[in-house]
Amino acid sequence: MVKNNSDEEKEGIIVPDGKIDLFLLADENGNFEIFISGICSAPITKPPFPKSTMFAISFYPIAAEYIFNQSFADLNNIKKTLQTGYWGFSRDDLNDFNQFYHKTTKVISSLLSKEIDDRKKEVI
């Protein structure tokens, strides 16, 4: 969770960590966005988000492919905006981190299939 209470428009740097991230971002003007960012191969300058709240869920690539049931190979160094209501998330979910955590756990658990691809088991 990142909460920026400042009016200052200051850029930041995102350092590559080898993960795929799902973000929920809301600002004080009522804007709300859900997006997923792929693996970064170099540091990326992020735009300023004054007066905003951001929650993120990080996934190792193999876990992301399993949970989302898709490949993220085409998402290197870029973000993809997702539709409003993705996974049932709304701006209100950013009001309480504990509730966000429980909702996220429930959603991800519901997406897990009982069978894991044998090829993925060998990688893990």
Foldseek 3Di string as FASTA:
>chain_A
DDFAADPDWDKDKDAFDQWKKWKWKAAPVGDIWIKIAHGEPGIDIGTGRHRMFMDMDIDHQLLCCQQVVHHCPVRYPHMDTDDACVLHDDPVLRVDVVVVVVSVVVSSVVSHDPDDPPVSVVVD
